[in-house]
């Protein structure tokens, strides 16, 4: 099994920045695709950004040019640098590890973090 622990959320003023982190731990594994999702009150969970093991990235149109996803494979950690934050970025942010190979069972799995609250308000 793999556990994901997120950190870095909080309250920030419009125009400010936050950096989210998500660290994976557990038995021997490799993560192919990392993703960040968010869910605002009363709305469906939406994809924010993804990054593959090769470093290819995708972003939602609403965050392009403001958010940057990155990963440290040695630390099994993914980051989301969020700049120029807007009130509409307020949501619970979740990290996701997809196409995770567990070497012990040779199985492919998907895991979610517990979520971290990001609130953008003056």
N, C-alpha and C. Protein backbone atom coordinates (compact mmCIF):
# COMPACT_ATOMS: atom_id res chain seq x y z
N UNK A 1 0.83 -1.20 0.00
CA UNK A 1 0.00 0.00 0.00
C UNK A 1 0.87 1.25 0.00
N UNK A 2 0.26 2.33 -0.46
CA UNK A 2 0.94 3.63 -0.51
C UNK A 2 0.08 4.65 0.19
N UNK A 3 0.70 5.48 1.00
CA UNK A 3 -0.01 6.56 1.68
C UNK A 3 0.49 7.90 1.14
N UNK A 4 -0.46 8.81 0.95
CA UNK A 4 -0.14 10.16 0.48
C UNK A 4 -0.48 11.15 1.58
N UNK A 5 0.47 12.01 1.91
CA UNK A 5 0.27 13.03 2.93
C UNK A 5 0.54 14.39 2.33
N UNK A 6 -0.46 15.24 2.39
CA UNK A 6 -0.38 16.59 1.82
C UNK A 6 -0.06 17.61 2.89
N UNK A 7 0.52 18.71 2.47
CA UNK A 7 0.78 19.83 3.38
C UNK A 7 0.88 21.10 2.57
N UNK A 8 0.78 22.24 3.27
CA UNK A 8 1.01 23.52 2.62
C UNK A 8 -0.21 24.38 2.40
N UNK A 9 -1.39 23.87 2.70
CA UNK A 9 -2.58 24.68 2.52
C UNK A 9 -2.68 25.77 3.56
N UNK A 10 -3.66 26.65 3.39
CA UNK A 10 -3.86 27.72 4.36
C UNK A 10 -4.66 28.86 3.79
N UNK A 11 -4.62 29.96 4.50
CA UNK A 11 -5.33 31.18 4.12
C UNK A 11 -4.34 32.17 3.51
N UNK A 12 -4.68 32.71 2.36
CA UNK A 12 -3.80 33.65 1.69
C UNK A 12 -4.65 34.74 1.05
N UNK A 13 -4.09 35.92 0.94
CA UNK A 13 -4.80 37.03 0.31
C UNK A 13 -4.76 36.90 -1.21
N UNK A 14 -5.74 37.48 -1.89
CA UNK A 14 -5.70 37.48 -3.36
C UNK A 14 -4.37 38.05 -3.87
N UNK A 15 -3.82 37.39 -4.89
CA UNK A 15 -2.53 37.79 -5.42
C UNK A 15 -1.35 37.10 -4.75
N UNK A 16 -1.62 36.41 -3.66
CA UNK A 16 -0.56 35.75 -2.92
C UNK A 16 -0.19 34.41 -3.51
N UNK A 17 0.71 33.71 -2.81
CA UNK A 17 1.22 32.42 -3.27
C UNK A 17 1.18 31.39 -2.16
N UNK A 18 1.05 30.15 -2.57
CA UNK A 18 1.16 29.01 -1.67
C UNK A 18 1.85 27.88 -2.42
N UNK A 19 2.52 27.01 -1.66
CA UNK A 19 3.12 25.83 -2.25
C UNK A 19 2.60 24.60 -1.52
N UNK A 20 1.93 23.74 -2.27
CA UNK A 20 1.44 22.48 -1.72
C UNK A 20 2.46 21.38 -1.97
N UNK A 21 2.54 20.46 -1.02
CA UNK A 21 3.40 19.29 -1.16
C UNK A 21 2.58 18.04 -0.88
N UNK A 22 2.98 16.95 -1.51
CA UNK A 22 2.34 15.66 -1.27
C UNK A 22 3.42 14.60 -1.32
N UNK A 23 3.62 13.91 -0.20
CA UNK A 23 4.66 12.89 -0.12
C UNK A 23 4.04 11.51 -0.04
N UNK A 24 4.61 10.60 -0.80
CA UNK A 24 4.14 9.21 -0.81
C UNK A 24 5.07 8.35 0.02
N UNK A 25 4.48 7.43 0.75
CA UNK A 25 5.27 6.49 1.54
C UNK A 25 4.61 5.12 1.49
N UNK A 26 5.41 4.08 1.77
CA UNK A 26 4.87 2.74 1.77
C UNK A 26 5.91 1.75 1.29
N UNK A 27 5.42 0.61 0.86
CA UNK A 27 6.31 -0.44 0.36
C UNK A 27 6.81 -0.07 -1.03
N UNK A 28 7.67 -0.86 -1.59
CA UNK A 28 8.32 -0.55 -2.86
C UNK A 28 7.29 -0.27 -3.94
N UNK A 29 7.44 0.88 -4.56
CA UNK A 29 6.47 1.29 -5.57
C UNK A 29 7.11 2.29 -6.50
N UNK A 30 6.44 2.54 -7.61
CA UNK A 30 6.82 3.64 -8.49
C UNK A 30 5.55 4.30 -8.99
N UNK A 31 5.59 5.60 -9.03
CA UNK A 31 4.43 6.39 -9.44
C UNK A 31 4.65 6.92 -10.83
N UNK A 32 3.73 6.61 -11.73
CA UNK A 32 3.86 7.07 -13.10
C UNK A 32 3.32 8.48 -13.27
N UNK A 33 2.12 8.71 -12.78
CA UNK A 33 1.50 10.02 -12.97
C UNK A 33 1.04 10.58 -11.63
N UNK A 34 1.46 11.81 -11.35
CA UNK A 34 0.97 12.58 -10.21
C UNK A 34 -0.06 13.58 -10.72
N UNK A 35 -1.05 13.83 -9.88
CA UNK A 35 -2.03 14.85 -10.23
C UNK A 35 -2.47 15.64 -9.01
N UNK A 36 -2.86 16.87 -9.26
CA UNK A 36 -3.53 17.69 -8.24
C UNK A 36 -4.94 17.96 -8.72
N UNK A 37 -5.90 17.79 -7.83
CA UNK A 37 -7.31 18.06 -8.08
C UNK A 37 -7.79 19.02 -7.00
N UNK A 38 -8.93 19.63 -7.26
CA UNK A 38 -9.53 20.48 -6.23
C UNK A 38 -11.05 20.37 -6.29
N UNK A 39 -11.64 20.65 -5.14
CA UNK A 39 -13.10 20.60 -5.04
C UNK A 39 -13.57 21.77 -4.19
N UNK A 40 -14.32 22.67 -4.82
CA UNK A 40 -14.91 23.80 -4.12
C UNK A 40 -16.27 23.39 -3.58
N UNK A 41 -16.77 24.10 -2.56
CA UNK A 41 -18.08 23.76 -1.99
C UNK A 41 -19.16 23.76 -3.05
N UNK A 42 -19.94 22.70 -3.11
CA UNK A 42 -21.05 22.62 -4.04
C UNK A 42 -20.65 22.31 -5.47
N UNK A 43 -19.38 22.05 -5.69
CA UNK A 43 -18.90 21.77 -7.05
C UNK A 43 -18.25 20.40 -7.12
N UNK A 44 -18.13 19.89 -8.34
CA UNK A 44 -17.47 18.61 -8.54
C UNK A 44 -15.96 18.79 -8.45
N UNK A 45 -15.30 17.70 -8.11
CA UNK A 45 -13.84 17.71 -8.10
C UNK A 45 -13.34 17.89 -9.52
N UNK A 46 -12.33 18.76 -9.67
CA UNK A 46 -11.80 19.03 -10.99
C UNK A 46 -10.29 18.86 -11.02
N UNK A 47 -9.80 18.51 -12.19
CA UNK A 47 -8.37 18.35 -12.38
C UNK A 47 -7.69 19.71 -12.46
N UNK A 48 -6.60 19.86 -11.74
CA UNK A 48 -5.83 21.10 -11.76
C UNK A 48 -4.58 20.94 -12.62
N UNK A 49 -3.81 19.89 -12.36
CA UNK A 49 -2.56 19.69 -13.10
C UNK A 49 -2.10 18.25 -12.95
N UNK A 50 -1.33 17.79 -13.93
CA UNK A 50 -0.72 16.46 -13.86
C UNK A 50 0.73 16.54 -14.30
N UNK A 51 1.50 15.56 -13.86
CA UNK A 51 2.89 15.44 -14.30
C UNK A 51 3.24 13.97 -14.38
N UNK A 52 3.86 13.57 -15.48
CA UNK A 52 4.24 12.18 -15.68
C UNK A 52 5.64 11.93 -15.13
N UNK A 53 6.02 10.66 -15.13
CA UNK A 53 7.36 10.31 -14.67
C UNK A 53 8.44 10.93 -15.55
N UNK A 54 8.08 11.21 -16.80
CA UNK A 54 9.03 11.83 -17.70
C UNK A 54 9.05 13.34 -17.62
N UNK A 55 8.15 13.90 -16.82
CA UNK A 55 8.14 15.34 -16.63
C UNK A 55 7.15 16.10 -17.49
N UNK A 56 6.35 15.40 -18.27
CA UNK A 56 5.33 16.08 -19.07
C UNK A 56 4.20 16.57 -18.18
N UNK A 57 3.75 17.78 -18.44
CA UNK A 57 2.74 18.40 -17.59
C UNK A 57 1.51 18.81 -18.38
N UNK A 58 0.37 18.85 -17.67
CA UNK A 58 -0.86 19.41 -18.22
C UNK A 58 -1.49 20.27 -17.14
N UNK A 59 -2.21 21.29 -17.57
CA UNK A 59 -2.86 22.21 -16.64
C UNK A 59 -4.29 22.52 -17.08
N UNK A 60 -5.14 22.75 -16.10
CA UNK A 60 -6.45 23.28 -16.41
C UNK A 60 -6.28 24.70 -16.94
N UNK A 61 -7.15 25.08 -17.86
CA UNK A 61 -7.04 26.43 -18.44
C UNK A 61 -7.10 27.51 -17.36
N UNK A 62 -7.86 27.26 -16.32
CA UNK A 62 -8.06 28.28 -15.29
C UNK A 62 -6.81 28.57 -14.47
N UNK A 63 -5.81 27.68 -14.53
CA UNK A 63 -4.61 27.88 -13.72
C UNK A 63 -3.35 28.04 -14.55
N UNK A 64 -3.46 27.92 -15.86
CA UNK A 64 -2.28 28.04 -16.72
C UNK A 64 -1.61 29.39 -16.53
N UNK A 65 -0.29 29.35 -16.40
CA UNK A 65 0.47 30.58 -16.21
C UNK A 65 0.56 31.04 -14.77
N UNK A 66 -0.22 30.41 -13.89
CA UNK A 66 -0.19 30.79 -12.47
C UNK A 66 0.29 29.66 -11.58
N UNK A 67 -0.05 28.43 -11.94
CA UNK A 67 0.32 27.26 -11.13
C UNK A 67 1.41 26.47 -11.85
N UNK A 68 2.28 25.84 -11.07
CA UNK A 68 3.33 24.99 -11.61
C UNK A 68 3.40 23.70 -10.80
N UNK A 69 3.29 22.58 -11.50
CA UNK A 69 3.42 21.28 -10.86
C UNK A 69 4.83 20.76 -11.10
N UNK A 70 5.39 20.14 -10.08
CA UNK A 70 6.73 19.56 -10.21
C UNK A 70 6.81 18.32 -9.32
N UNK A 71 7.83 17.51 -9.55
CA UNK A 71 7.96 16.29 -8.76
C UNK A 71 9.43 16.03 -8.45
N UNK A 72 9.65 15.39 -7.31
CA UNK A 72 10.98 14.94 -6.92
C UNK A 72 10.88 13.43 -6.78
N UNK A 73 11.34 12.72 -7.80
CA UNK A 73 11.19 11.27 -7.81
C UNK A 73 11.97 10.61 -6.67
N UNK A 74 13.10 11.18 -6.32
CA UNK A 74 13.91 10.60 -5.25
C UNK A 74 13.19 10.66 -3.91
N UNK A 75 12.37 11.70 -3.74
CA UNK A 75 11.64 11.88 -2.49
C UNK A 75 10.19 11.41 -2.59
N UNK A 76 9.81 10.89 -3.77
CA UNK A 76 8.41 10.47 -3.98
C UNK A 76 7.44 11.57 -3.57
N UNK A 77 7.73 12.77 -4.04
CA UNK A 77 6.95 13.94 -3.64
C UNK A 77 6.57 14.76 -4.87
N UNK A 78 5.37 15.30 -4.82
CA UNK A 78 4.90 16.21 -5.87
C UNK A 78 4.57 17.54 -5.22
N UNK A 79 4.76 18.60 -5.99
CA UNK A 79 4.52 19.96 -5.50
C UNK A 79 3.55 20.69 -6.43
N UNK A 80 2.86 21.66 -5.86
CA UNK A 80 2.05 22.56 -6.66
C UNK A 80 2.34 23.98 -6.19
N UNK A 81 3.07 24.72 -6.99
CA UNK A 81 3.34 26.12 -6.69
C UNK A 81 2.21 26.95 -7.26
N UNK A 82 1.53 27.68 -6.41
CA UNK A 82 0.37 28.46 -6.82
C UNK A 82 0.66 29.94 -6.61
N UNK A 83 0.70 30.69 -7.69
CA UNK A 83 0.94 32.12 -7.65
C UNK A 83 -0.28 32.89 -8.13
N UNK A 84 -0.29 34.17 -7.85
CA UNK A 84 -1.40 35.04 -8.29
C UNK A 84 -2.75 34.41 -7.95
N UNK A 85 -2.88 33.99 -6.73
CA UNK A 85 -4.09 33.28 -6.32
C UNK A 85 -5.30 34.20 -6.35
N UNK A 86 -6.43 33.59 -6.70
CA UNK A 86 -7.70 34.31 -6.81
C UNK A 86 -8.71 33.68 -5.86
N UNK A 87 -9.73 34.43 -5.47
CA UNK A 87 -10.76 33.84 -4.59
C UNK A 87 -11.38 32.57 -5.17
N UNK A 88 -11.48 32.51 -6.49
CA UNK A 88 -12.07 31.32 -7.10
C UNK A 88 -11.16 30.09 -7.04
N UNK A 89 -9.95 30.25 -6.57
CA UNK A 89 -9.06 29.11 -6.34
C UNK A 89 -9.34 28.44 -5.00
N UNK A 90 -10.21 29.04 -4.20
CA UNK A 90 -10.55 28.47 -2.91
C UNK A 90 -11.18 27.10 -3.08
N UNK A 91 -10.61 26.10 -2.42
CA UNK A 91 -11.09 24.72 -2.55
C UNK A 91 -10.27 23.82 -1.63
N UNK A 92 -10.72 22.59 -1.52
CA UNK A 92 -9.88 21.55 -0.93
C UNK A 92 -9.07 20.94 -2.07
N UNK A 93 -7.77 20.90 -1.90
CA UNK A 93 -6.88 20.38 -2.92
C UNK A 93 -6.43 18.97 -2.55
N UNK A 94 -6.53 18.07 -3.52
CA UNK A 94 -6.18 16.67 -3.32
C UNK A 94 -5.05 16.27 -4.26
N UNK A 95 -4.10 15.53 -3.75
CA UNK A 95 -3.11 14.95 -4.65
C UNK A 95 -3.55 13.53 -5.00
N UNK A 96 -3.12 13.11 -6.16
CA UNK A 96 -3.47 11.79 -6.67
C UNK A 96 -2.24 11.15 -7.29
N UNK A 97 -2.04 9.89 -6.97
CA UNK A 97 -0.96 9.11 -7.59
C UNK A 97 -1.62 8.03 -8.44
N UNK A 98 -1.37 8.09 -9.74
CA UNK A 98 -2.02 7.19 -10.68
C UNK A 98 -1.00 6.27 -11.33
N UNK A 99 -1.50 5.13 -11.79
CA UNK A 99 -0.61 4.12 -12.39
C UNK A 99 0.58 3.85 -11.47
N UNK A 100 0.24 3.52 -10.22
CA UNK A 100 1.26 3.22 -9.23
C UNK A 100 1.54 1.73 -9.25
N UNK A 101 2.77 1.37 -9.55
CA UNK A 101 3.17 -0.04 -9.59
C UNK A 101 3.68 -0.46 -8.21
N UNK A 102 3.00 -1.44 -7.62
CA UNK A 102 3.48 -2.03 -6.37
C UNK A 102 4.33 -3.24 -6.74
N UNK A 103 5.62 -3.19 -6.42
CA UNK A 103 6.51 -4.25 -6.85
C UNK A 103 6.19 -5.58 -6.19
N UNK A 104 5.67 -5.53 -4.97
CA UNK A 104 5.40 -6.77 -4.23
C UNK A 104 4.29 -7.60 -4.87
N UNK A 105 3.30 -6.91 -5.44
CA UNK A 105 2.15 -7.62 -6.01
C UNK A 105 2.06 -7.48 -7.53
N UNK A 106 2.95 -6.66 -8.08
CA UNK A 106 2.93 -6.38 -9.52
C UNK A 106 1.57 -5.84 -9.96
N UNK A 107 0.93 -5.09 -9.10
CA UNK A 107 -0.39 -4.53 -9.41
C UNK A 107 -0.27 -3.03 -9.68
N UNK A 108 -1.24 -2.54 -10.43
CA UNK A 108 -1.31 -1.12 -10.74
C UNK A 108 -2.46 -0.51 -9.93
N UNK A 109 -2.17 0.60 -9.24
CA UNK A 109 -3.15 1.16 -8.31
C UNK A 109 -3.26 2.68 -8.46
N UNK A 110 -4.26 3.20 -7.78
CA UNK A 110 -4.51 4.64 -7.75
C UNK A 110 -4.75 5.04 -6.30
N UNK A 111 -4.13 6.15 -5.88
CA UNK A 111 -4.23 6.59 -4.49
C UNK A 111 -4.54 8.07 -4.42
N UNK A 112 -5.25 8.43 -3.33
CA UNK A 112 -5.60 9.83 -3.07
C UNK A 112 -5.07 10.28 -1.72
N UNK A 113 -4.71 11.55 -1.66
CA UNK A 113 -4.38 12.16 -0.38
C UNK A 113 -5.66 12.55 0.35
N UNK A 114 -5.48 13.05 1.57
CA UNK A 114 -6.63 13.37 2.42
C UNK A 114 -7.21 14.75 2.11
N UNK A 115 -6.48 15.55 1.38
CA UNK A 115 -6.95 16.89 1.03
C UNK A 115 -6.40 17.95 1.96
N UNK A 116 -6.16 19.13 1.41
CA UNK A 116 -5.71 20.27 2.20
C UNK A 116 -6.48 21.51 1.74
N UNK A 117 -6.94 22.29 2.70
CA UNK A 117 -7.78 23.45 2.40
C UNK A 117 -6.93 24.63 1.96
N UNK A 118 -7.34 25.23 0.86
CA UNK A 118 -6.74 26.48 0.40
C UNK A 118 -7.86 27.53 0.34
N UNK A 119 -7.68 28.61 1.07
CA UNK A 119 -8.66 29.68 1.09
C UNK A 119 -8.00 30.98 0.67
N UNK A 120 -8.56 31.59 -0.37
CA UNK A 120 -8.03 32.86 -0.88
C UNK A 120 -9.06 33.94 -0.57
N UNK A 121 -8.70 34.80 0.36
CA UNK A 121 -9.65 35.82 0.81
C UNK A 121 -8.91 36.98 1.44
N UNK A 122 -9.48 38.17 1.30
CA UNK A 122 -8.90 39.33 1.95
C UNK A 122 -9.56 39.57 3.30
